Amino acid sequence: MLRRGEMAALLGVSGSGKSTLLQIMGGLDHPSGGTVLLDGEDLFAMAAGRASEFRNRRIGFVYQSHRLLSEFSALENVMMPLLIARRSGREAREVAAALLEEVGLAHRLGHRPGRLSGGEQQRVAIARALVMGPDLLLADEPTGNLDRKTALEVFHLLRELNHKRGLACLMVTHNPELATDLDRRLHLEEGLLMEEGPGA
C-alpha cells in the first residue's frame, strides 16, 4: 500500500518486473490476477472510457525517456493532458505555464524538446505528469538518463513537488543513493514484493 505524501523506491534486478508492476499500477497493463485499488476504486473493473479518463485525471507517469512530443513546445506538451480532458485552451495555458515556472522553466515555455537539455526535458515531463493534479505519481527511472548532478537536481525537485502536493509516489531506481533518501524501499524479487526493514 502506498500512502499519500510518501515517496517509495522500487528496487530489483533487471528483468524482475519493476516496469511491468508500474504499468499495472497505472492501469496500462492487465494483471493476471488480483486487483489494483486507488482510493478504493478498482482500475480494472471500470469500462474502458472511464478507465482512460481516470488515469488521465488521477495518475501521473514519468519515464526514463521524457516522451515529449518533438513538434510541440514545452508549454504545449504540458497543456496536452488538460486539453484531452476538454479544459479550455486559456485554462490549459495558464495552468501549464504556472507549473513550468514552478519547475524552473518559465524562460523556456516556447522551446521545443530538441532545444532543451536532458534535465530540462525531464522537468517538462514532470510538469506534464503533475498538470492534472494526480493522486498517484509513478516514476520509472526518471533520472536514469541524466548525469549525476542533473539527476540529483531532478530527484530533489520530484521530492519537493511530491511533498508539496501530498502525492503517493513510487519510483523505480537502480541508484542506491537516491533510494536511501526515500521514505520506504520496496524490493521486487521472483514475483514477490518485499519491504526493506528499518536500518537495512
C-alpha atoms as a PDB file:
ATOM      1  CA  MET A   1       0.000   0.000   0.000  1.00  0.00           C
ATOM      2  CA  LEU A   2       1.229   3.479  -0.884  1.00  0.00           C
ATOM      3  CA  ARG A   3       0.242   6.333   1.380  1.00  0.00           C
ATOM      4  CA  ARG A   4      -0.365   9.949   0.459  1.00  0.00           C
ATOM      5  CA  GLY A   5       2.639  12.160   0.994  1.00  0.00           C
ATOM      6  CA  GLU A   6       5.209   9.371   0.803  1.00  0.00           C
ATOM      7  CA  MET A   7       7.727   8.555  -1.868  1.00  0.00           C
ATOM      8  CA  ALA A   8       8.808   4.920  -2.068  1.00  0.00           C
ATOM      9  CA  ALA A   9      11.639   3.344  -4.047  1.00  0.00           C
ATOM     10  CA  LEU A  10      11.054   0.182  -6.065  1.00  0.00           C
ATOM     11  CA  LEU A  11      14.243  -1.856  -6.411  1.00  0.00           C
ATOM     12  CA  GLY A  12      15.084  -5.112  -8.145  1.00  0.00           C
ATOM     13  CA  VAL A  13      17.425  -6.635 -10.698  1.00  0.00           C
ATOM     14  CA  SER A  14      16.872  -6.014 -14.401  1.00  0.00           C
ATOM     15  CA  GLY A  15      14.036  -8.162 -15.684  1.00  0.00           C
ATOM     16  CA  SER A  16      12.419  -8.607 -12.275  1.00  0.00           C
ATOM     17  CA  GLY A  17       9.224  -6.882 -13.452  1.00  0.00           C
ATOM     18  CA  LYS A  18       9.531  -3.401 -11.939  1.00  0.00           C
ATOM     19  CA  SER A  19       8.339  -1.569 -15.051  1.00  0.00           C
ATOM     20  CA  THR A  20       5.556  -4.110 -15.566  1.00  0.00           C
ATOM     21  CA  LEU A  21       4.389  -3.533 -11.988  1.00  0.00           C
ATOM     22  CA  LEU A  22       4.255   0.216 -12.600  1.00  0.00           C
ATOM     23  CA  GLN A  23       2.295  -0.342 -15.818  1.00  0.00           C
ATOM     24  CA  ILE A  24      -0.212  -2.484 -13.899  1.00  0.00           C
ATOM     25  CA  MET A  25      -0.483   0.057 -11.079  1.00  0.00           C
ATOM     26  CA  GLY A  26      -1.144   2.737 -13.671  1.00  0.00           C
ATOM     27  CA  GLY A  27      -3.851   0.705 -15.368  1.00  0.00           C
ATOM     28  CA  LEU A  28      -1.897   0.296 -18.598  1.00  0.00           C
ATOM     29  CA  ASP A  29      -1.261  -3.478 -18.323  1.00  0.00           C
ATOM     30  CA  HIS A  30      -3.761  -6.014 -17.009  1.00  0.00           C
ATOM     31  CA  PRO A  31      -2.695  -8.206 -14.095  1.00  0.00           C
ATOM     32  CA  SER A  32      -3.091 -11.973 -14.389  1.00  0.00           C
ATOM     33  CA  GLY A  33      -4.887 -11.897 -11.043  1.00  0.00           C
ATOM     34  CA  GLY A  34      -5.788  -9.706  -8.105  1.00  0.00           C
ATOM     35  CA  THR A  35      -6.992  -6.117  -8.007  1.00  0.00           C
ATOM     36  CA  VAL A  36      -5.461  -2.651  -8.153  1.00  0.00           C
ATOM     37  CA  LEU A  37      -7.210  -0.103  -5.955  1.00  0.00           C
ATOM     38  CA  LEU A  38      -6.784   3.659  -5.922  1.00  0.00           C
ATOM     39  CA  ASP A  39      -8.785   5.252  -3.106  1.00  0.00           C
ATOM     40  CA  GLY A  40     -10.914   2.108  -3.067  1.00  0.00           C
ATOM     41  CA  GLU A  41     -11.665   2.094  -6.798  1.00  0.00           C
ATOM     42  CA  ASP A  42     -10.693  -0.951  -8.852  1.00  0.00           C
ATOM     43  CA  LEU A  43      -8.927   0.248 -12.003  1.00  0.00           C
ATOM     44  CA  PHE A  44      -9.721  -2.933 -13.904  1.00  0.00           C
ATOM     45  CA  ALA A  45     -13.425  -3.057 -13.029  1.00  0.00           C
ATOM     46  CA  MET A  46     -14.068   0.173 -14.958  1.00  0.00           C
ATOM     47  CA  ALA A  47     -15.343   0.494 -18.507  1.00  0.00           C
ATOM     48  CA  ALA A  48     -12.571   1.374 -20.959  1.00  0.00           C
ATOM     49  CA  GLY A  49     -13.631   5.006 -21.405  1.00  0.00           C
ATOM     50  CA  ARG A  50     -13.914   5.678 -17.696  1.00  0.00           C
ATOM     51  CA  ALA A  51     -10.615   3.912 -17.002  1.00  0.00           C
ATOM     52  CA  SER A  52      -8.856   6.150 -19.532  1.00  0.00           C
ATOM     53  CA  GLU A  53     -10.384   9.278 -18.012  1.00  0.00           C
ATOM     54  CA  PHE A  54      -9.492   8.041 -14.514  1.00  0.00           C
ATOM     55  CA  ARG A  55      -5.839   7.511 -15.494  1.00  0.00           C
ATOM     56  CA  ASN A  56      -5.602  10.944 -17.096  1.00  0.00           C
ATOM     57  CA  ARG A  57      -7.078  12.638 -14.035  1.00  0.00           C
ATOM     58  CA  ARG A  58      -5.686  10.644 -11.106  1.00  0.00           C
ATOM     59  CA  ILE A  59      -2.354   9.099 -12.180  1.00  0.00           C
ATOM     60  CA  GLY A  60       0.819  10.801 -13.413  1.00  0.00           C
ATOM     61  CA  PHE A  61       3.641   8.985 -15.216  1.00  0.00           C
ATOM     62  CA  VAL A  62       7.314   9.946 -15.578  1.00  0.00           C
ATOM     63  CA  TYR A  63       9.604   7.698 -17.602  1.00  0.00           C
ATOM     64  CA  GLN A  64      13.363   7.376 -18.069  1.00  0.00           C
ATOM     65  CA  SER A  65      12.899   8.777 -21.566  1.00  0.00           C
ATOM     66  CA  HIS A  66      10.956  12.030 -21.379  1.00  0.00           C
ATOM     67  CA  ARG A  67       8.500  11.002 -24.152  1.00  0.00           C
ATOM     68  CA  LEU A  68       7.781  14.593 -25.121  1.00  0.00           C
ATOM     69  CA  LEU A  69       6.203  15.361 -28.483  1.00  0.00           C
ATOM     70  CA  SER A  70       9.018  16.882 -30.531  1.00  0.00           C
ATOM     71  CA  GLU A  71       6.780  19.046 -32.730  1.00  0.00           C
ATOM     72  CA  PHE A  72       5.273  20.887 -29.758  1.00  0.00           C
ATOM     73  CA  SER A  73       6.775  23.427 -27.357  1.00  0.00           C
ATOM     74  CA  ALA A  74       7.369  22.758 -23.679  1.00  0.00           C
ATOM     75  CA  LEU A  75       4.187  24.664 -22.872  1.00  0.00           C
ATOM     76  CA  GLU A  76       2.126  22.739 -25.421  1.00  0.00           C
ATOM     77  CA  ASN A  77       3.454  19.399 -24.156  1.00  0.00           C
ATOM     78  CA  VAL A  78       2.359  20.221 -20.613  1.00  0.00           C
ATOM     79  CA  MET A  79      -1.011  21.539 -21.799  1.00  0.00           C
ATOM     80  CA  MET A  80      -1.829  18.281 -23.608  1.00  0.00           C
ATOM     81  CA  PRO A  81      -3.439  16.303 -20.740  1.00  0.00           C
ATOM     82  CA  LEU A  82      -5.637  19.298 -19.892  1.00  0.00           C
ATOM     83  CA  LEU A  83      -6.782  19.658 -23.499  1.00  0.00           C
ATOM     84  CA  ILE A  84      -7.518  15.920 -23.665  1.00  0.00           C
ATOM     85  CA  ALA A  85      -9.678  16.445 -20.562  1.00  0.00           C
ATOM     86  CA  ARG A  86     -11.520  19.168 -22.513  1.00  0.00           C
ATOM     87  CA  ARG A  87     -10.298  22.100 -20.432  1.00  0.00           C
ATOM     88  CA  SER A  88     -10.323  25.414 -22.259  1.00  0.00           C
ATOM     89  CA  GLY A  89      -7.201  26.466 -24.115  1.00  0.00           C
ATOM     90  CA  ARG A  90      -6.872  29.516 -21.883  1.00  0.00           C
ATOM     91  CA  GLU A  91      -7.082  27.495 -18.658  1.00  0.00           C
ATOM     92  CA  ALA A  92      -4.697  24.848 -20.002  1.00  0.00           C
ATOM     93  CA  ARG A  93      -2.171  27.507 -20.948  1.00  0.00           C
ATOM     94  CA  GLU A  94      -2.351  29.249 -17.563  1.00  0.00           C
ATOM     95  CA  VAL A  95      -2.065  26.042 -15.517  1.00  0.00           C
ATOM     96  CA  ALA A  96       0.751  24.643 -17.672  1.00  0.00           C
ATOM     97  CA  ALA A  97       2.710  27.914 -17.604  1.00  0.00           C
ATOM     98  CA  ALA A  98       2.426  28.123 -13.805  1.00  0.00           C
ATOM     99  CA  LEU A  99       3.675  24.566 -13.392  1.00  0.00           C
ATOM    100  CA  LEU A 100       6.588  25.102 -15.773  1.00  0.00           C
ATOM    101  CA  GLU A 101       7.523  28.167 -13.756  1.00  0.00           C
ATOM    102  CA  GLU A 102       7.404  26.006 -10.612  1.00  0.00           C
ATOM    103  CA  VAL A 103       9.895  23.529 -12.112  1.00  0.00           C
ATOM    104  CA  GLY A 104      12.212  26.372 -13.125  1.00  0.00           C
ATOM    105  CA  LEU A 105      11.381  26.666 -16.824  1.00  0.00           C
ATOM    106  CA  ALA A 106       9.418  29.907 -17.075  1.00  0.00           C
ATOM    107  CA  HIS A 107      12.023  31.141 -19.569  1.00  0.00           C
ATOM    108  CA  ARG A 108      11.702  28.045 -21.817  1.00  0.00           C
ATOM    109  CA  LEU A 109       7.942  27.859 -22.465  1.00  0.00           C
ATOM    110  CA  GLY A 110       8.210  28.252 -26.230  1.00  0.00           C
ATOM    111  CA  HIS A 111      11.171  25.911 -26.737  1.00  0.00           C
ATOM    112  CA  ARG A 112      10.682  22.543 -28.385  1.00  0.00           C
ATOM    113  CA  PRO A 113      12.279  19.474 -26.745  1.00  0.00           C
ATOM    114  CA  GLY A 114      15.182  19.430 -29.198  1.00  0.00           C
ATOM    115  CA  ARG A 115      16.316  22.817 -27.886  1.00  0.00           C
ATOM    116  CA  LEU A 116      16.198  21.750 -24.232  1.00  0.00           C
ATOM    117  CA  SER A 117      18.861  19.959 -22.201  1.00  0.00           C
ATOM    118  CA  GLY A 118      18.191  16.472 -20.848  1.00  0.00           C
ATOM    119  CA  GLY A 119      17.432  17.841 -17.400  1.00  0.00           C
ATOM    120  CA  GLU A 120      15.089  20.474 -18.826  1.00  0.00           C
ATOM    121  CA  GLN A 121      13.270  17.855 -20.893  1.00  0.00           C
ATOM    122  CA  GLN A 122      12.715  15.764 -17.787  1.00  0.00           C
ATOM    123  CA  ARG A 123      11.436  18.807 -15.903  1.00  0.00           C
ATOM    124  CA  VAL A 124       8.881  19.325 -18.677  1.00  0.00           C
ATOM    125  CA  ALA A 125       7.920  15.640 -18.394  1.00  0.00           C
ATOM    126  CA  ILE A 126       7.452  16.036 -14.627  1.00  0.00           C
ATOM    127  CA  ALA A 127       5.285  19.121 -15.155  1.00  0.00           C
ATOM    128  CA  ARG A 128       3.180  17.198 -17.688  1.00  0.00           C
ATOM    129  CA  ALA A 129       2.775  14.310 -15.211  1.00  0.00           C
ATOM    130  CA  LEU A 130       1.535  16.691 -12.496  1.00  0.00           C
ATOM    131  CA  VAL A 131      -0.578  19.098 -14.529  1.00  0.00           C
ATOM    132  CA  MET A 132      -3.868  17.263 -13.866  1.00  0.00           C
ATOM    133  CA  GLY A 133      -3.232  17.239 -10.106  1.00  0.00           C
ATOM    134  CA  PRO A 134      -2.974  13.433  -9.788  1.00  0.00           C
ATOM    135  CA  ASP A 135      -3.137  11.460  -6.551  1.00  0.00           C
ATOM    136  CA  LEU A 136      -0.542   8.889  -7.645  1.00  0.00           C
ATOM    137  CA  LEU A 137       2.783   9.510  -9.376  1.00  0.00           C
ATOM    138  CA  LEU A 138       4.600   6.567 -10.989  1.00  0.00           C
ATOM    139  CA  ALA A 139       8.207   7.272 -11.964  1.00  0.00           C
ATOM    140  CA  ASP A 140      10.213   4.687 -13.918  1.00  0.00           C
ATOM    141  CA  GLU A 141      13.945   5.519 -13.630  1.00  0.00           C
ATOM    142  CA  PRO A 142      13.238   9.262 -14.054  1.00  0.00           C
ATOM    143  CA  THR A 143      16.910  10.156 -13.542  1.00  0.00           C
ATOM    144  CA  GLY A 144      18.422   7.166 -15.370  1.00  0.00           C
ATOM    145  CA  ASN A 145      19.478   9.090 -18.494  1.00  0.00           C
ATOM    146  CA  LEU A 146      20.960  12.078 -16.660  1.00  0.00           C
ATOM    147  CA  ASP A 147      24.430  12.874 -15.347  1.00  0.00           C
ATOM    148  CA  ARG A 148      24.863  12.674 -11.566  1.00  0.00           C
ATOM    149  CA  LYS A 149      24.497  16.407 -10.845  1.00  0.00           C
ATOM    150  CA  THR A 150      21.393  16.787 -13.028  1.00  0.00           C
ATOM    151  CA  ALA A 151      19.946  13.522 -11.687  1.00  0.00           C
ATOM    152  CA  LEU A 152      20.203  14.820  -8.122  1.00  0.00           C
ATOM    153  CA  GLU A 153      18.596  18.134  -9.096  1.00  0.00           C
ATOM    154  CA  VAL A 154      15.676  16.359 -10.789  1.00  0.00           C
ATOM    155  CA  PHE A 155      15.331  13.934  -7.867  1.00  0.00           C
ATOM    156  CA  HIS A 156      15.181  16.733  -5.287  1.00  0.00           C
ATOM    157  CA  LEU A 157      12.639  18.564  -7.448  1.00  0.00           C
ATOM    158  CA  LEU A 158      10.469  15.427  -7.516  1.00  0.00           C
ATOM    159  CA  ARG A 159      10.779  15.121  -3.730  1.00  0.00           C
ATOM    160  CA  GLU A 160       9.798  18.751  -3.225  1.00  0.00           C
ATOM    161  CA  LEU A 161       6.817  18.568  -5.582  1.00  0.00           C
ATOM    162  CA  ASN A 162       5.650  15.269  -4.109  1.00  0.00           C
ATOM    163  CA  HIS A 163       5.806  16.639  -0.563  1.00  0.00           C
ATOM    164  CA  LYS A 164       4.058  19.879  -1.516  1.00  0.00           C
ATOM    165  CA  ARG A 165       1.191  18.067  -3.252  1.00  0.00           C
ATOM    166  CA  GLY A 166       0.803  15.170  -0.827  1.00  0.00           C
ATOM    167  CA  LEU A 167       1.018  12.542  -3.562  1.00  0.00           C
ATOM    168  CA  ALA A 168       1.624   8.840  -3.267  1.00  0.00           C
ATOM    169  CA  CYS A 169       4.722   8.210  -5.382  1.00  0.00           C
ATOM    170  CA  LEU A 170       6.507   5.022  -6.403  1.00  0.00           C
ATOM    171  CA  MET A 171       9.856   5.462  -8.128  1.00  0.00           C
ATOM    172  CA  VAL A 172      11.834   2.710  -9.827  1.00  0.00           C
ATOM    173  CA  THR A 173      15.546   3.342  -9.398  1.00  0.00           C
ATOM    174  CA  HIS A 174      18.846   1.478  -9.583  1.00  0.00           C
ATOM    175  CA  ASN A 175      20.557   4.302  -7.709  1.00  0.00           C
ATOM    176  CA  PRO A 176      21.128   3.264  -4.066  1.00  0.00           C
ATOM    177  CA  GLU A 177      21.960   6.850  -3.080  1.00  0.00           C
ATOM    178  CA  LEU A 178      18.543   8.043  -4.207  1.00  0.00           C
ATOM    179  CA  ALA A 179      16.712   5.002  -2.829  1.00  0.00           C
ATOM    180  CA  THR A 180      18.192   5.565   0.628  1.00  0.00           C
ATOM    181  CA  ASP A 181      16.813   9.110   0.656  1.00  0.00           C
ATOM    182  CA  LEU A 182      13.214   7.958   0.094  1.00  0.00           C
ATOM    183  CA  ASP A 183      10.581   7.158   2.721  1.00  0.00           C
ATOM    184  CA  ARG A 184      10.427   3.414   2.014  1.00  0.00           C
ATOM    185  CA  ARG A 185      12.306   0.870  -0.089  1.00  0.00           C
ATOM    186  CA  LEU A 186      10.442  -1.994  -1.738  1.00  0.00           C
ATOM    187  CA  HIS A 187      12.222  -4.909  -3.414  1.00  0.00           C
ATOM    188  CA  LEU A 188      10.708  -6.968  -6.231  1.00  0.00           C
ATOM    189  CA  GLU A 189      12.284 -10.408  -6.276  1.00  0.00           C
ATOM    190  CA  GLU A 190      10.975 -13.502  -8.103  1.00  0.00           C
ATOM    191  CA  GLY A 191       7.499 -12.025  -8.286  1.00  0.00           C
ATOM    192  CA  LEU A 192       7.353 -11.083  -4.604  1.00  0.00           C
ATOM    193  CA  LEU A 193       7.273  -7.515  -3.317  1.00  0.00           C
ATOM    194  CA  MET A 194       9.085  -7.105  -0.003  1.00  0.00           C
ATOM    195  CA  GLU A 195       9.673  -4.056   2.138  1.00  0.00           C
ATOM    196  CA  GLU A 196      13.164  -3.318   3.428  1.00  0.00           C
ATOM    197  CA  GLY A 197      13.212  -3.291   7.201  1.00  0.00           C
ATOM    198  CA  PRO A 198      14.394  -0.377   9.359  1.00  0.00           C
ATOM    199  CA  GLY A 199      18.144   0.083   9.351  1.00  0.00           C
ATOM    200  CA  ALA A 200      18.636  -2.238   6.364  1.00  0.00           C
END
